[in-house]
Protein backbone atom coordinates (compact mmCIF):
# COMPACT_ATOMS: atom_id res chain seq x y z
CA MET A 1 10.18 -35.07 -0.13
CA GLY A 2 10.50 -38.92 -0.79
CA THR A 3 11.74 -40.39 -3.90
CA ALA A 4 10.38 -43.31 -5.86
CA GLN A 5 12.32 -45.82 -8.04
CA THR A 6 12.20 -44.23 -11.60
CA PRO A 7 10.49 -46.51 -14.17
CA ARG A 8 11.57 -46.61 -17.76
CA ARG A 9 9.74 -44.12 -19.63
CA ILE A 10 9.52 -43.53 -23.56
CA THR A 11 10.01 -40.45 -25.80
CA MET A 12 6.44 -39.12 -26.51
CA THR A 13 5.44 -38.55 -30.24
CA PRO A 14 2.01 -37.23 -31.24
CA ALA A 15 0.69 -40.65 -31.92
CA ALA A 16 2.20 -41.92 -28.56
CA ALA A 17 0.71 -38.81 -26.73
CA ARG A 18 -2.72 -39.88 -28.40
CA VAL A 19 -2.29 -43.35 -27.17
CA VAL A 20 -1.62 -42.34 -23.63
CA GLU A 21 -4.69 -39.72 -23.60
CA ALA A 22 -6.98 -42.49 -24.75
CA ALA A 23 -5.64 -45.09 -22.36
CA ALA A 24 -5.81 -42.75 -19.45
CA ARG A 25 -9.38 -42.13 -20.14
CA LEU A 26 -10.16 -45.88 -20.50
CA PHE A 27 -7.95 -47.03 -17.77
CA TYR A 28 -9.65 -44.51 -15.36
CA GLU A 29 -13.25 -45.14 -16.36
CA ARG A 30 -13.29 -49.05 -16.89
CA GLY A 31 -10.17 -50.49 -15.14
CA ILE A 32 -6.68 -51.35 -16.43
CA HIS A 33 -7.47 -55.05 -16.83
CA ALA A 34 -10.86 -54.42 -18.53
CA VAL A 35 -9.13 -52.40 -21.55
CA GLY A 36 -7.20 -54.07 -24.21
CA VAL A 37 -4.83 -52.78 -26.49
CA ASP A 38 -7.31 -53.14 -29.50
CA LEU A 39 -9.63 -50.52 -27.85
CA ILE A 40 -6.89 -48.26 -26.99
CA ALA A 41 -5.76 -48.23 -30.55
CA SER A 42 -9.16 -47.59 -31.82
CA GLU A 43 -9.84 -44.89 -29.38
CA ALA A 44 -6.51 -43.21 -30.16
CA GLY A 45 -6.74 -43.64 -34.00
CA VAL A 46 -3.50 -45.73 -34.37
CA THR A 47 -2.79 -49.31 -35.24
CA LYS A 48 -2.06 -52.04 -32.57
CA LYS A 49 1.52 -52.14 -34.20
CA THR A 50 1.92 -48.51 -33.59
CA ILE A 51 1.38 -49.06 -29.96
CA TYR A 52 3.75 -52.17 -29.72
CA ASP A 53 6.39 -50.24 -31.65
CA ARG A 54 6.40 -47.19 -29.55
CA PHE A 55 5.63 -48.71 -26.15
CA GLY A 56 6.55 -52.35 -26.38
CA SER A 57 3.75 -53.66 -24.11
CA LYS A 58 0.50 -52.79 -22.62
CA GLU A 59 2.23 -52.36 -19.33
CA GLN A 60 4.35 -49.57 -20.56
CA VAL A 61 1.18 -47.88 -21.58
CA VAL A 62 -0.02 -48.09 -17.97
CA VAL A 63 3.36 -46.72 -16.80
CA GLU A 64 3.12 -43.61 -18.87
CA TYR A 65 -0.63 -43.07 -17.83
CA LEU A 66 0.13 -43.36 -14.08
CA ALA A 67 3.33 -41.54 -14.34
CA ASP A 68 1.68 -38.76 -16.29
CA ARG A 69 -1.05 -38.65 -13.66
CA ASP A 70 1.68 -38.53 -10.82
CA GLU A 71 3.59 -35.71 -12.47
CA ARG A 72 0.75 -33.56 -13.05
CA TRP A 73 -0.65 -34.22 -9.39
CA ARG A 74 2.73 -33.27 -7.90
CA ALA A 75 2.91 -30.22 -10.08
CA PHE A 76 -0.84 -29.09 -9.14
CA LEU A 77 -0.02 -29.67 -5.37
CA THR A 78 3.23 -27.84 -5.48
CA GLU A 79 1.53 -24.82 -6.92
CA ARG A 80 -1.18 -24.86 -4.44
CA LEU A 81 1.54 -25.15 -1.59
CA ASP A 82 3.37 -22.21 -3.11
CA THR A 83 0.34 -20.02 -2.84
CA ALA A 84 -0.40 -21.14 0.74
CA GLY A 85 2.08 -19.17 2.45
CA GLN A 86 4.61 -20.10 5.18
CA GLU A 87 2.29 -20.77 8.07
CA PRO A 88 2.65 -24.63 8.75
CA VAL A 89 -1.06 -25.37 9.41
CA ALA A 90 -2.07 -23.37 6.59
CA ARG A 91 0.28 -25.47 4.15
CA ILE A 92 -0.91 -28.84 5.48
CA LEU A 93 -4.66 -27.84 5.24
CA ALA A 94 -3.60 -26.66 1.58
CA VAL A 95 -3.06 -30.28 0.77
CA PHE A 96 -6.62 -31.30 1.47
CA ASP A 97 -7.85 -28.21 -0.66
CA ALA A 98 -5.78 -29.23 -3.42
CA SER A 99 -6.94 -32.81 -3.19
CA ARG A 100 -10.53 -31.70 -3.16
CA ALA A 101 -9.93 -29.45 -6.17
CA TRP A 102 -8.16 -32.24 -8.04
CA SER A 103 -10.69 -34.88 -7.24
CA GLU A 104 -13.71 -32.74 -8.58
CA GLU A 105 -11.78 -32.24 -11.68
CA HIS A 106 -9.87 -35.11 -12.58
CA SER A 107 -10.67 -38.06 -10.10
CA THR A 108 -14.47 -38.47 -9.86
CA LYS A 109 -14.13 -42.00 -9.38
CA GLY A 110 -11.44 -41.84 -6.67
CA CYS A 111 -7.69 -41.89 -6.50
CA SER A 112 -6.24 -43.32 -9.80
CA MET A 113 -3.21 -44.77 -7.79
CA VAL A 114 -5.48 -46.56 -5.22
CA ASN A 115 -7.56 -47.63 -8.14
CA ALA A 116 -4.58 -48.92 -9.85
CA HIS A 117 -3.20 -50.72 -6.77
CA ALA A 118 -6.39 -52.80 -6.64
CA GLU A 119 -5.40 -54.22 -10.01
CA ILE A 120 -1.60 -54.08 -9.70
CA SER A 121 -0.41 -55.21 -6.40
CA ASP A 122 2.55 -57.23 -7.75
CA PRO A 123 5.82 -55.34 -6.92
CA SER A 124 7.46 -56.50 -10.23
CA HIS A 125 5.03 -54.79 -12.19
CA PRO A 126 6.92 -51.84 -13.87
CA ALA A 127 4.17 -49.38 -12.72
CA HIS A 128 3.95 -50.61 -9.14
CA PRO A 129 6.83 -48.30 -8.10
CA ILE A 130 4.77 -45.02 -9.37
CA ILE A 131 1.83 -46.19 -7.24
CA VAL A 132 3.55 -46.65 -3.93
CA GLY A 133 6.05 -43.95 -5.02
CA GLN A 134 3.36 -41.35 -5.07
CA LYS A 135 2.01 -42.36 -1.65
CA ALA A 136 5.74 -42.58 -0.09
CA TRP A 137 6.08 -38.92 -1.45
CA MET A 138 2.89 -37.87 0.16
CA LEU A 139 3.70 -39.30 3.46
CA ALA A 140 7.24 -37.46 3.26
CA LEU A 141 5.57 -34.39 2.48
CA PHE A 142 3.24 -34.46 5.40
CA THR A 143 6.41 -35.39 7.54
CA GLU A 144 8.11 -32.47 6.33
CA LEU A 145 5.32 -30.11 7.14
CA ALA A 146 4.44 -31.63 10.36
CA GLU A 147 8.08 -31.09 11.57
CA GLU A 148 7.16 -27.37 11.63
CA ILE A 149 4.45 -28.12 14.23
CA ARG A 150 5.51 -30.86 16.29
CA PRO A 151 9.39 -31.80 15.50
CA LYS A 152 9.60 -34.70 17.99
CA GLN A 153 6.39 -36.25 16.96
CA ALA A 154 6.42 -35.22 13.30
CA GLY A 155 6.22 -39.04 12.00
CA ASP A 156 2.95 -39.62 14.08
CA LEU A 157 1.27 -36.61 13.12
CA ALA A 158 2.34 -37.27 9.55
CA ARG A 159 0.89 -40.52 9.58
CA SER A 160 -2.39 -39.32 11.24
CA LEU A 161 -2.53 -36.91 8.53
CA MET A 162 -2.06 -39.21 5.90
CA LEU A 163 -4.55 -41.77 6.98
CA LEU A 164 -7.26 -38.88 7.10
CA HIS A 165 -6.25 -37.71 3.55
CA GLU A 166 -6.05 -41.23 2.03
CA GLY A 167 -9.23 -42.45 3.81
CA ALA A 168 -10.99 -39.27 2.30
CA LEU A 169 -9.91 -40.16 -1.21
CA VAL A 170 -11.09 -43.60 -0.84
CA ALA A 171 -14.44 -42.39 0.61
CA HIS A 172 -14.80 -39.86 -2.19
CA GLY A 173 -14.33 -42.72 -4.84
CA LEU A 174 -17.04 -44.63 -3.29
CA ALA A 175 -19.39 -41.80 -2.82
CA VAL A 176 -20.35 -43.11 0.52
CA PHE A 177 -21.23 -39.67 1.85
CA PRO A 178 -20.87 -36.03 0.49
CA ASP A 179 -17.78 -34.23 0.46
CA PRO A 180 -15.40 -36.62 2.39
CA ILE A 181 -12.20 -34.60 1.73
CA THR A 182 -13.95 -31.46 3.33
CA HIS A 183 -14.77 -33.60 6.46
CA ALA A 184 -11.01 -34.89 6.40
CA ARG A 185 -9.91 -31.28 6.22
CA ASP A 186 -11.95 -30.46 9.42
CA GLN A 187 -10.62 -33.38 11.19
CA ALA A 188 -7.15 -32.42 10.27
CA GLN A 189 -7.62 -28.97 11.39
CA ALA A 190 -8.93 -30.19 14.91
CA LEU A 191 -5.88 -32.43 14.91
CA LEU A 192 -3.51 -29.78 13.89
CA ALA A 193 -4.82 -27.25 16.70
CA THR A 194 -4.45 -30.01 19.39
CA ALA A 195 -0.67 -30.65 18.10
CA SER A 196 0.04 -26.89 17.87
CA GLY A 197 -1.25 -26.30 21.44
CA THR A 198 0.70 -29.25 22.77
CA ALA A 199 3.79 -27.97 21.01
CA ARG A 200 3.55 -24.64 22.74
CA GLN A 201 3.00 -26.18 26.00
CA GLY A 202 6.11 -28.37 25.57
C-alpha cells in the first residue's frame, strides 16, 4: 500500500494525551481554524505554556490529531479486511462496510481528512502530508485489491472505487440523503460484478 511522508511526532505524556483528546473533539466539531490554544488548554485542563512546551505550536497539535485519526482508521480497516476472507470482491466491499461503521461511530460530520483539507490546503503545512497521505494509501489499497479482479485495468477500477468511496464520505458529512455509504457499496458491487465478468471473458 502507499506510504506518506512521515511528519514529526512528539512523545506522548498524560498531559499531552489530554491535549490531543480535547483538540480532536474541538477540531472535528468546530473546525481547526475556529479553535484556539486557549480553548484547547481549558478543555484539556492544562496551561497554554504546557501546550507550547510539549507541542511547540498549534500546528503540531493538528499533526497529532490527524495522525492519531489516521492510525486508528488504518488499524480499524486492516482488522475488517483480515476478517473478510480472501475473496477479492468481498474484501473490496469490506472497505465500504468498514467506512460505514467508522463513520457512524467516529465521523458523524464527515471524513476528518476531507474536512481538514478544506482548511489546510497549503502543502507546506506540517499536517498536509497526513491528509493527502491517507487518501494515497486508500487508492493504493483499492489498486492492490483491484489487481486480483482485473490485473490489466486495476488502476482504472481502483480510481472508480475510490471516487465512489470518497463521494460517499462527503455525502455522509453533508447529510444530503440517507446512508450514502451503503448506496456507494451497492454501486461498487455492481461495478465489480461487471469487472469480474469481463475478466473471466478475457
